[in-house]
N, C-alpha and C. Protein backbone atom coordinates (compact mmCIF):
# COMPACT_ATOMS: atom_id res chain seq x y z
N MET A 1 88.82 110.80 112.45
CA MET A 1 90.18 111.27 112.33
C MET A 1 90.17 112.47 111.39
N SER A 2 90.79 113.53 111.79
CA SER A 2 90.83 114.71 110.94
C SER A 2 92.24 114.90 110.40
N PHE A 3 92.29 115.39 109.19
CA PHE A 3 93.56 115.66 108.53
C PHE A 3 93.67 117.14 108.27
N THR A 4 94.82 117.68 108.52
CA THR A 4 95.13 119.03 108.11
C THR A 4 96.13 118.88 106.97
N SER A 5 95.72 119.27 105.77
CA SER A 5 96.60 119.06 104.63
C SER A 5 97.83 119.96 104.73
N ARG A 6 98.92 119.47 104.16
CA ARG A 6 100.19 120.19 104.16
C ARG A 6 100.66 120.32 102.72
N PRO A 7 101.49 121.28 102.45
CA PRO A 7 102.07 121.37 101.11
C PRO A 7 102.92 120.12 100.85
N GLU A 8 102.91 119.67 99.62
CA GLU A 8 103.67 118.48 99.28
C GLU A 8 105.17 118.75 99.41
N ARG A 9 105.85 117.82 100.04
CA ARG A 9 107.30 117.89 100.16
C ARG A 9 107.82 116.46 100.19
N ARG A 10 108.26 115.98 99.05
CA ARG A 10 108.83 114.64 98.96
C ARG A 10 110.33 114.73 99.22
N ALA A 11 110.84 113.74 99.90
CA ALA A 11 112.27 113.75 100.24
C ALA A 11 112.88 112.40 99.90
N THR A 12 114.14 112.44 99.54
CA THR A 12 114.92 111.23 99.29
C THR A 12 115.94 111.09 100.40
N VAL A 13 115.93 109.94 101.05
CA VAL A 13 116.88 109.68 102.13
C VAL A 13 118.03 108.88 101.53
N SER A 14 119.21 109.51 101.48
CA SER A 14 120.38 108.80 100.95
C SER A 14 121.59 108.91 101.88
N ASP A 15 121.47 109.67 102.95
CA ASP A 15 122.54 109.78 103.93
C ASP A 15 122.71 108.40 104.60
N PRO A 16 123.89 107.81 104.50
CA PRO A 16 124.09 106.48 105.09
C PRO A 16 123.73 106.40 106.57
N ARG A 17 123.96 107.47 107.33
CA ARG A 17 123.61 107.45 108.75
C ARG A 17 122.10 107.42 108.96
N ALA A 18 121.36 108.17 108.13
CA ALA A 18 119.90 108.16 108.23
C ALA A 18 119.34 106.80 107.79
N LEU A 19 119.92 106.24 106.73
CA LEU A 19 119.50 104.91 106.28
C LEU A 19 119.75 103.88 107.37
N ARG A 20 120.88 103.98 108.04
CA ARG A 20 121.21 103.06 109.13
C ARG A 20 120.20 103.23 110.27
N ALA A 21 119.83 104.47 110.57
CA ALA A 21 118.84 104.72 111.63
C ALA A 21 117.49 104.11 111.26
N LEU A 22 117.15 104.16 109.98
CA LEU A 22 115.88 103.60 109.52
C LEU A 22 115.89 102.08 109.47
N ALA A 23 117.06 101.47 109.55
CA ALA A 23 117.14 100.02 109.49
C ALA A 23 116.51 99.35 110.71
N HIS A 24 116.19 100.13 111.73
CA HIS A 24 115.51 99.57 112.90
C HIS A 24 114.03 99.40 112.54
N PRO A 25 113.48 98.20 112.67
CA PRO A 25 112.09 97.94 112.26
C PRO A 25 111.06 98.86 112.92
N LEU A 26 111.24 99.20 114.20
CA LEU A 26 110.28 100.06 114.87
C LEU A 26 110.32 101.47 114.30
N ARG A 27 111.49 101.97 113.98
CA ARG A 27 111.60 103.32 113.41
C ARG A 27 110.93 103.38 112.05
N LEU A 28 111.12 102.35 111.27
CA LEU A 28 110.48 102.29 109.95
C LEU A 28 108.96 102.23 110.10
N ALA A 29 108.47 101.45 111.07
CA ALA A 29 107.03 101.35 111.31
C ALA A 29 106.46 102.69 111.78
N LEU A 30 107.19 103.39 112.65
CA LEU A 30 106.73 104.70 113.12
C LEU A 30 106.65 105.70 111.97
N LEU A 31 107.68 105.73 111.15
CA LEU A 31 107.71 106.65 110.02
C LEU A 31 106.57 106.35 109.05
N ASP A 32 106.35 105.07 108.77
CA ASP A 32 105.28 104.66 107.87
C ASP A 32 103.92 105.07 108.41
N TYR A 33 103.71 104.89 109.71
CA TYR A 33 102.44 105.25 110.34
C TYR A 33 102.19 106.76 110.26
N LEU A 34 103.20 107.55 110.56
CA LEU A 34 103.05 109.01 110.50
C LEU A 34 102.83 109.49 109.07
N LEU A 35 103.47 108.85 108.10
CA LEU A 35 103.26 109.23 106.70
C LEU A 35 101.83 108.93 106.26
N ALA A 36 101.24 107.87 106.80
CA ALA A 36 99.88 107.49 106.41
C ALA A 36 98.82 108.29 107.15
N PHE A 37 99.03 108.55 108.45
CA PHE A 37 97.95 109.09 109.27
C PHE A 37 98.20 110.48 109.84
N GLY A 38 99.35 111.07 109.55
CA GLY A 38 99.61 112.42 110.00
C GLY A 38 100.05 112.47 111.45
N PRO A 39 100.04 113.66 112.05
CA PRO A 39 100.57 113.85 113.40
C PRO A 39 99.92 112.93 114.42
N ARG A 40 100.76 112.29 115.23
CA ARG A 40 100.31 111.39 116.29
C ARG A 40 101.27 111.50 117.47
N THR A 41 100.76 111.25 118.64
CA THR A 41 101.60 111.25 119.84
C THR A 41 102.33 109.91 119.92
N ALA A 42 103.34 109.85 120.76
CA ALA A 42 104.06 108.59 120.97
C ALA A 42 103.11 107.53 121.51
N SER A 43 102.16 107.93 122.35
CA SER A 43 101.18 106.97 122.89
C SER A 43 100.29 106.43 121.78
N GLU A 44 99.83 107.28 120.88
CA GLU A 44 99.00 106.82 119.76
C GLU A 44 99.80 105.89 118.85
N CYS A 45 101.05 106.22 118.62
CA CYS A 45 101.91 105.36 117.80
C CYS A 45 102.09 104.00 118.45
N ALA A 46 102.31 103.99 119.76
CA ALA A 46 102.59 102.75 120.49
C ALA A 46 101.45 101.75 120.33
N GLU A 47 100.21 102.23 120.36
CA GLU A 47 99.06 101.34 120.21
C GLU A 47 99.08 100.62 118.87
N VAL A 48 99.53 101.29 117.84
CA VAL A 48 99.50 100.72 116.49
C VAL A 48 100.71 99.86 116.19
N VAL A 49 101.88 100.29 116.61
CA VAL A 49 103.11 99.56 116.27
C VAL A 49 103.48 98.49 117.28
N GLY A 50 102.68 98.35 118.34
CA GLY A 50 102.91 97.28 119.31
C GLY A 50 104.11 97.50 120.20
N SER A 51 104.26 98.71 120.71
CA SER A 51 105.39 99.03 121.59
C SER A 51 104.87 99.89 122.73
N THR A 52 105.78 100.41 123.52
CA THR A 52 105.40 101.30 124.61
C THR A 52 105.56 102.76 124.16
N ALA A 53 104.87 103.65 124.84
CA ALA A 53 104.97 105.07 124.52
C ALA A 53 106.40 105.57 124.73
N SER A 54 107.05 105.12 125.81
CA SER A 54 108.41 105.59 126.07
C SER A 54 109.39 105.07 125.01
N ASN A 55 109.22 103.84 124.56
CA ASN A 55 110.08 103.29 123.52
C ASN A 55 109.85 104.03 122.20
N CYS A 56 108.59 104.29 121.87
CA CYS A 56 108.28 105.04 120.65
C CYS A 56 108.86 106.44 120.73
N SER A 57 108.74 107.07 121.88
CA SER A 57 109.29 108.42 122.05
C SER A 57 110.80 108.42 121.81
N TYR A 58 111.49 107.42 122.33
CA TYR A 58 112.94 107.30 122.13
C TYR A 58 113.27 107.20 120.64
N HIS A 59 112.55 106.32 119.93
CA HIS A 59 112.85 106.12 118.51
C HIS A 59 112.40 107.30 117.66
N LEU A 60 111.36 107.99 118.06
CA LEU A 60 110.95 109.20 117.34
C LEU A 60 112.02 110.29 117.50
N ARG A 61 112.58 110.40 118.68
CA ARG A 61 113.67 111.37 118.88
C ARG A 61 114.88 111.00 118.01
N ALA A 62 115.15 109.71 117.86
CA ALA A 62 116.26 109.28 117.00
C ALA A 62 115.98 109.67 115.55
N LEU A 63 114.74 109.51 115.11
CA LEU A 63 114.38 109.92 113.74
C LEU A 63 114.47 111.43 113.59
N ALA A 64 114.15 112.16 114.64
CA ALA A 64 114.23 113.63 114.60
C ALA A 64 115.67 114.10 114.41
N LYS A 65 116.63 113.37 114.95
CA LYS A 65 118.04 113.74 114.80
C LYS A 65 118.47 113.79 113.33
N PHE A 66 117.79 113.02 112.50
CA PHE A 66 118.11 112.99 111.07
C PHE A 66 117.12 113.81 110.25
N GLY A 67 116.28 114.59 110.94
CA GLY A 67 115.35 115.48 110.24
C GLY A 67 114.19 114.76 109.57
N LEU A 68 113.86 113.56 110.01
CA LEU A 68 112.79 112.79 109.38
C LEU A 68 111.44 113.03 110.03
N VAL A 69 111.43 113.39 111.32
CA VAL A 69 110.20 113.74 112.03
C VAL A 69 110.46 114.98 112.88
N GLU A 70 109.36 115.59 113.32
CA GLU A 70 109.46 116.78 114.17
C GLU A 70 108.24 116.86 115.07
N ARG A 71 108.37 117.61 116.14
CA ARG A 71 107.25 117.85 117.04
C ARG A 71 106.36 118.95 116.45
N VAL A 72 105.07 118.85 116.73
CA VAL A 72 104.12 119.90 116.35
C VAL A 72 103.32 120.29 117.57
N ASP A 73 102.69 121.45 117.51
CA ASP A 73 101.89 121.91 118.64
C ASP A 73 100.70 120.98 118.87
N ALA A 74 100.40 120.73 120.13
CA ALA A 74 99.26 119.90 120.49
C ALA A 74 97.99 120.73 120.41
N GLU A 75 96.92 120.11 119.91
CA GLU A 75 95.63 120.81 119.83
C GLU A 75 95.03 121.02 121.21
N ASP A 76 95.28 120.07 122.11
CA ASP A 76 94.68 120.15 123.45
C ASP A 76 95.66 120.65 124.51
N GLY A 77 96.88 120.98 124.12
CA GLY A 77 97.86 121.51 125.05
C GLY A 77 98.56 120.45 125.89
N ARG A 78 98.24 119.18 125.66
CA ARG A 78 98.89 118.12 126.44
C ARG A 78 100.07 117.57 125.65
N GLU A 79 100.14 116.27 125.48
CA GLU A 79 101.29 115.65 124.82
C GLU A 79 101.40 116.15 123.37
N ARG A 80 102.60 116.61 123.02
CA ARG A 80 102.82 117.13 121.67
C ARG A 80 103.00 115.98 120.68
N PRO A 81 102.27 116.02 119.58
CA PRO A 81 102.42 114.95 118.59
C PRO A 81 103.67 115.13 117.72
N TRP A 82 103.99 114.07 117.01
CA TRP A 82 105.08 114.04 116.06
C TRP A 82 104.49 113.99 114.66
N GLN A 83 105.21 114.56 113.70
CA GLN A 83 104.82 114.42 112.30
C GLN A 83 106.08 114.25 111.47
N THR A 84 105.90 113.72 110.27
CA THR A 84 107.03 113.60 109.36
C THR A 84 107.36 114.98 108.82
N THR A 85 108.61 115.21 108.49
CA THR A 85 109.01 116.49 107.93
C THR A 85 108.71 116.54 106.43
N ALA A 86 108.49 115.39 105.83
CA ALA A 86 108.15 115.31 104.41
C ALA A 86 106.78 114.64 104.29
N THR A 87 106.14 114.81 103.17
CA THR A 87 104.85 114.15 102.94
C THR A 87 105.02 112.87 102.14
N GLY A 88 106.23 112.58 101.72
CA GLY A 88 106.55 111.34 101.03
C GLY A 88 108.05 111.12 101.06
N LEU A 89 108.45 109.87 101.23
CA LEU A 89 109.88 109.54 101.30
C LEU A 89 110.20 108.41 100.34
N GLN A 90 111.41 108.46 99.84
CA GLN A 90 111.94 107.32 99.12
C GLN A 90 113.39 107.15 99.52
N PHE A 91 113.86 105.94 99.41
CA PHE A 91 115.24 105.66 99.75
C PHE A 91 116.08 105.82 98.51
N GLY A 92 117.06 106.71 98.58
CA GLY A 92 117.89 107.00 97.44
C GLY A 92 119.13 106.15 97.41
N ARG A 93 119.78 106.18 96.28
CA ARG A 93 121.05 105.48 96.12
C ARG A 93 122.13 106.28 96.81
N THR A 94 123.08 105.59 97.33
CA THR A 94 124.22 106.23 97.95
C THR A 94 125.49 105.65 97.34
N ASP A 95 126.55 106.41 97.35
CA ASP A 95 127.82 105.93 96.80
C ASP A 95 128.55 105.02 97.77
N ASP A 96 128.05 104.93 99.01
CA ASP A 96 128.69 104.08 100.00
C ASP A 96 128.49 102.61 99.61
N PRO A 97 129.57 101.86 99.37
CA PRO A 97 129.43 100.47 98.93
C PRO A 97 128.71 99.58 99.95
N GLY A 98 128.68 99.98 101.19
CA GLY A 98 127.96 99.21 102.20
C GLY A 98 126.46 99.35 102.13
N PHE A 99 125.96 100.19 101.22
CA PHE A 99 124.53 100.45 101.12
C PHE A 99 123.96 100.11 99.75
N ARG A 100 124.65 99.34 98.96
CA ARG A 100 124.17 99.03 97.61
C ARG A 100 123.03 98.02 97.65
N LEU A 101 122.00 98.27 96.86
CA LEU A 101 120.87 97.38 96.74
C LEU A 101 121.31 96.11 96.04
N GLY A 102 120.80 94.97 96.46
CA GLY A 102 121.11 93.72 95.80
C GLY A 102 122.13 92.89 96.53
N SER A 103 122.80 93.46 97.49
CA SER A 103 123.71 92.68 98.32
C SER A 103 123.18 92.74 99.75
N ASP A 104 123.87 92.14 100.67
CA ASP A 104 123.44 92.11 102.06
C ASP A 104 123.78 93.44 102.71
N THR A 105 122.95 94.45 102.49
CA THR A 105 123.26 95.81 102.92
C THR A 105 122.07 96.45 103.62
N THR A 106 122.29 97.62 104.16
CA THR A 106 121.21 98.37 104.80
C THR A 106 120.13 98.73 103.79
N GLU A 107 120.53 99.15 102.60
CA GLU A 107 119.55 99.51 101.57
C GLU A 107 118.69 98.30 101.22
N ARG A 108 119.31 97.15 101.08
CA ARG A 108 118.58 95.91 100.79
C ARG A 108 117.64 95.58 101.94
N PHE A 109 118.12 95.72 103.18
CA PHE A 109 117.28 95.45 104.34
C PHE A 109 116.05 96.35 104.33
N LEU A 110 116.25 97.65 104.06
CA LEU A 110 115.12 98.58 104.03
C LEU A 110 114.12 98.22 102.95
N ALA A 111 114.61 97.87 101.76
CA ALA A 111 113.72 97.48 100.67
C ALA A 111 112.96 96.20 101.03
N ASP A 112 113.66 95.22 101.57
CA ASP A 112 113.00 93.97 101.96
C ASP A 112 111.97 94.21 103.06
N ARG A 113 112.33 95.04 104.02
CA ARG A 113 111.41 95.34 105.13
C ARG A 113 110.15 96.04 104.61
N GLN A 114 110.33 96.96 103.66
CA GLN A 114 109.19 97.66 103.09
C GLN A 114 108.25 96.69 102.38
N VAL A 115 108.81 95.76 101.62
CA VAL A 115 108.00 94.75 100.93
C VAL A 115 107.28 93.87 101.94
N ASP A 116 107.98 93.46 103.00
CA ASP A 116 107.35 92.63 104.04
C ASP A 116 106.20 93.37 104.71
N GLU A 117 106.39 94.65 105.02
CA GLU A 117 105.32 95.45 105.64
C GLU A 117 104.12 95.58 104.71
N GLU A 118 104.38 95.80 103.42
CA GLU A 118 103.29 95.89 102.45
C GLU A 118 102.52 94.57 102.38
N ALA A 119 103.24 93.46 102.35
CA ALA A 119 102.60 92.14 102.29
C ALA A 119 101.76 91.91 103.54
N ASP A 120 102.28 92.30 104.70
CA ASP A 120 101.53 92.15 105.94
C ASP A 120 100.23 92.95 105.91
N ARG A 121 100.29 94.19 105.39
CA ARG A 121 99.08 95.02 105.29
C ARG A 121 98.07 94.36 104.36
N VAL A 122 98.54 93.80 103.24
CA VAL A 122 97.63 93.14 102.30
C VAL A 122 96.96 91.94 102.99
N HIS A 123 97.73 91.14 103.70
CA HIS A 123 97.15 89.98 104.39
C HIS A 123 96.11 90.41 105.43
N ARG A 124 96.41 91.47 106.18
CA ARG A 124 95.46 91.96 107.19
C ARG A 124 94.20 92.52 106.52
N ALA A 125 94.36 93.20 105.38
CA ALA A 125 93.21 93.74 104.67
C ALA A 125 92.32 92.62 104.14
N ILE A 126 92.93 91.57 103.61
CA ILE A 126 92.14 90.43 103.11
C ILE A 126 91.39 89.78 104.27
N ALA A 127 92.05 89.63 105.41
CA ALA A 127 91.40 89.02 106.57
C ALA A 127 90.22 89.86 107.07
N GLN A 128 90.27 91.17 106.89
CA GLN A 128 89.22 92.06 107.38
C GLN A 128 88.18 92.39 106.32
N ARG A 129 88.37 91.89 105.09
CA ARG A 129 87.51 92.29 103.98
C ARG A 129 86.03 92.08 104.25
N ASP A 130 85.65 90.94 104.85
CA ASP A 130 84.23 90.66 105.09
C ASP A 130 83.60 91.60 106.11
N ASP A 131 84.42 92.27 106.92
CA ASP A 131 83.90 93.19 107.93
C ASP A 131 83.77 94.62 107.41
N LEU A 132 84.22 94.86 106.19
CA LEU A 132 84.16 96.21 105.62
C LEU A 132 82.75 96.54 105.15
N PRO A 133 82.41 97.83 105.14
CA PRO A 133 81.16 98.23 104.49
C PRO A 133 81.22 97.84 103.01
N PRO A 134 80.09 97.49 102.40
CA PRO A 134 80.09 97.04 101.00
C PRO A 134 80.78 97.99 100.04
N ALA A 135 80.65 99.29 100.23
CA ALA A 135 81.28 100.25 99.31
C ALA A 135 82.80 100.10 99.33
N TRP A 136 83.39 99.94 100.51
CA TRP A 136 84.84 99.75 100.60
C TRP A 136 85.24 98.38 100.08
N ARG A 137 84.45 97.36 100.38
CA ARG A 137 84.76 96.01 99.92
C ARG A 137 84.76 95.97 98.39
N ASP A 138 83.78 96.60 97.77
CA ASP A 138 83.68 96.60 96.30
C ASP A 138 84.74 97.47 95.64
N ALA A 139 85.23 98.48 96.33
CA ALA A 139 86.22 99.39 95.75
C ALA A 139 87.65 98.88 95.86
N SER A 140 87.88 97.91 96.74
CA SER A 140 89.23 97.39 96.95
C SER A 140 89.76 96.71 95.69
N ILE A 141 91.07 96.83 95.48
CA ILE A 141 91.72 96.29 94.28
C ILE A 141 92.87 95.38 94.72
N LEU A 142 92.93 94.22 94.13
CA LEU A 142 94.06 93.32 94.32
C LEU A 142 94.37 92.74 92.94
N SER A 143 95.25 93.41 92.22
CA SER A 143 95.54 93.04 90.84
C SER A 143 97.04 92.85 90.64
N ALA A 144 97.36 92.03 89.67
CA ALA A 144 98.75 91.84 89.25
C ALA A 144 98.77 91.77 87.73
N TYR A 145 99.83 92.26 87.14
CA TYR A 145 99.96 92.30 85.68
C TYR A 145 101.36 91.85 85.29
N ALA A 146 101.44 91.22 84.14
CA ALA A 146 102.74 90.93 83.54
C ALA A 146 102.82 91.78 82.26
N LEU A 147 103.67 92.78 82.24
CA LEU A 147 103.77 93.71 81.12
C LEU A 147 104.97 93.34 80.25
N ARG A 148 104.86 93.61 78.98
CA ARG A 148 106.03 93.53 78.10
C ARG A 148 106.36 94.98 77.76
N ILE A 149 107.48 95.45 78.31
CA ILE A 149 107.73 96.89 78.30
C ILE A 149 109.24 97.14 78.34
N ALA A 150 109.66 98.22 77.71
CA ALA A 150 111.08 98.60 77.70
C ALA A 150 111.36 99.50 78.91
N PRO A 151 112.63 99.62 79.32
CA PRO A 151 112.95 100.44 80.49
C PRO A 151 112.43 101.88 80.40
N ASP A 152 112.57 102.52 79.23
CA ASP A 152 112.09 103.90 79.13
C ASP A 152 110.56 103.96 79.21
N GLU A 153 109.87 102.94 78.71
CA GLU A 153 108.41 102.90 78.82
C GLU A 153 108.00 102.69 80.28
N LEU A 154 108.72 101.84 80.99
CA LEU A 154 108.42 101.61 82.41
C LEU A 154 108.60 102.89 83.21
N ARG A 155 109.67 103.62 82.94
CA ARG A 155 109.91 104.89 83.62
C ARG A 155 108.76 105.86 83.34
N GLU A 156 108.34 105.95 82.08
CA GLU A 156 107.24 106.84 81.71
C GLU A 156 105.94 106.40 82.38
N LEU A 157 105.68 105.09 82.41
CA LEU A 157 104.47 104.59 83.06
C LEU A 157 104.48 104.96 84.54
N GLY A 158 105.62 104.79 85.20
CA GLY A 158 105.74 105.16 86.61
C GLY A 158 105.46 106.64 86.84
N GLU A 159 105.97 107.49 85.97
CA GLU A 159 105.74 108.93 86.10
C GLU A 159 104.27 109.28 85.89
N ARG A 160 103.63 108.61 84.94
CA ARG A 160 102.20 108.88 84.68
C ARG A 160 101.33 108.40 85.84
N LEU A 161 101.64 107.22 86.37
CA LEU A 161 100.89 106.72 87.53
C LEU A 161 101.09 107.63 88.73
N ASP A 162 102.31 108.07 88.95
CA ASP A 162 102.59 108.97 90.05
C ASP A 162 101.77 110.26 89.92
N ALA A 163 101.68 110.79 88.72
CA ALA A 163 100.91 112.02 88.50
C ALA A 163 99.42 111.80 88.77
N LEU A 164 98.92 110.61 88.47
CA LEU A 164 97.51 110.31 88.75
C LEU A 164 97.24 110.14 90.24
N ILE A 165 98.19 109.56 90.94
CA ILE A 165 98.01 109.23 92.36
C ILE A 165 98.25 110.43 93.27
N ARG A 166 99.20 111.26 92.94
CA ARG A 166 99.65 112.34 93.82
C ARG A 166 98.53 113.23 94.38
N PRO A 167 97.47 113.57 93.64
CA PRO A 167 96.42 114.42 94.23
C PRO A 167 95.67 113.79 95.41
N TYR A 168 95.81 112.48 95.58
CA TYR A 168 95.07 111.78 96.63
C TYR A 168 95.90 111.49 97.88
N ILE A 169 97.16 111.91 97.91
CA ILE A 169 98.02 111.63 99.06
C ILE A 169 97.40 112.22 100.32
N ALA A 170 97.27 111.37 101.35
CA ALA A 170 96.54 111.73 102.57
C ALA A 170 97.04 113.01 103.22
N LEU A 171 98.35 113.17 103.33
CA LEU A 171 98.89 114.33 104.03
C LEU A 171 98.74 115.64 103.26
N THR A 172 98.49 115.56 101.96
CA THR A 172 98.44 116.79 101.17
C THR A 172 97.06 117.07 100.58
N ARG A 173 96.12 116.14 100.68
CA ARG A 173 94.82 116.32 100.04
C ARG A 173 93.96 117.33 100.80
N GLU A 174 93.46 118.31 100.08
CA GLU A 174 92.63 119.36 100.68
C GLU A 174 91.14 119.16 100.44
N ASP A 175 90.78 118.41 99.40
CA ASP A 175 89.38 118.33 98.98
C ASP A 175 88.77 116.95 99.20
N ALA A 176 89.19 116.23 100.22
CA ALA A 176 88.70 114.87 100.44
C ALA A 176 87.23 114.89 100.83
N PRO A 177 86.43 113.98 100.23
CA PRO A 177 85.02 113.88 100.61
C PRO A 177 84.86 113.44 102.07
N ALA A 178 83.70 113.64 102.62
CA ALA A 178 83.44 113.31 104.03
C ALA A 178 83.64 111.82 104.32
N ASP A 179 83.39 110.96 103.34
CA ASP A 179 83.52 109.52 103.57
C ASP A 179 84.90 108.98 103.20
N ALA A 180 85.87 109.87 102.96
CA ALA A 180 87.23 109.44 102.61
C ALA A 180 87.93 108.85 103.82
N ASP A 181 88.81 107.92 103.57
CA ASP A 181 89.63 107.32 104.62
C ASP A 181 91.00 107.03 104.03
N VAL A 182 91.93 106.61 104.86
CA VAL A 182 93.28 106.31 104.39
C VAL A 182 93.27 104.96 103.68
N VAL A 183 93.84 104.92 102.50
CA VAL A 183 93.93 103.71 101.68
C VAL A 183 95.40 103.42 101.42
N ALA A 184 95.79 102.17 101.55
CA ALA A 184 97.16 101.76 101.24
C ALA A 184 97.22 101.39 99.75
N LEU A 185 98.11 102.02 99.01
CA LEU A 185 98.31 101.72 97.59
C LEU A 185 99.78 101.40 97.41
N HIS A 186 100.07 100.24 96.89
CA HIS A 186 101.45 99.81 96.67
C HIS A 186 101.63 99.51 95.20
N LEU A 187 102.59 100.11 94.59
CA LEU A 187 102.94 99.81 93.20
C LEU A 187 104.37 99.32 93.17
N ASN A 188 104.55 98.17 92.60
CA ASN A 188 105.88 97.62 92.42
C ASN A 188 106.02 97.26 90.96
N ALA A 189 107.06 97.72 90.32
CA ALA A 189 107.30 97.37 88.92
C ALA A 189 108.80 97.12 88.76
N PHE A 190 109.13 95.96 88.27
CA PHE A 190 110.54 95.57 88.11
C PHE A 190 110.61 94.48 87.06
N ARG A 191 111.81 94.35 86.49
CA ARG A 191 112.01 93.25 85.55
C ARG A 191 111.76 91.96 86.31
N HIS A 192 110.94 91.09 85.73
CA HIS A 192 110.57 89.85 86.40
C HIS A 192 111.82 89.06 86.75
N PRO A 193 111.96 88.60 87.98
CA PRO A 193 113.19 87.89 88.35
C PRO A 193 113.38 86.56 87.64
N ASP A 194 112.31 86.01 87.05
CA ASP A 194 112.42 84.75 86.33
C ASP A 194 112.61 84.94 84.82
N ALA A 195 112.69 86.20 84.37
CA ALA A 195 112.89 86.44 82.94
C ALA A 195 114.27 85.93 82.53
N PRO A 196 114.36 85.35 81.33
CA PRO A 196 115.65 84.81 80.90
C PRO A 196 116.69 85.89 80.67
């Protein structure tokens, strides 16, 4: 798989209509796949997300209406691939009361879906661990920490971690070694739900 690096462009999705469009599980899976692996055709997406090429094409066009994906020129002149318009996305807060996190809302659904997808990837990675080359098996990390930290320290920690991670983002990395591959990294930091 070859990557053509792109300039970094992170985007925040806070438009309630775009958030509603992303609430469809297949659209979220397509966007996640393109963010991880770069330009892909609807047929290539279908193989990974477990759908048909025509269904993926329909949902990719729906994402394009909100400026989240776009068509790019095909290398072979056949089916044109899709790519994300940004190299990183986050879901922003919106003033629309129907989208507030923590209640039964679209924003909550998107956050829950993202956590579920991350957990699924972790389970699949653990199941495949014995089949990995030793270098990848030894480099994999599965860690959890309980920190005692103030909100401003947590914000600073997040910014420092982001600065360390950003040079390795798949869509923007220009200097990747020949043996580099796509790695899923998930960081979650929040006040422990069981804290008094």
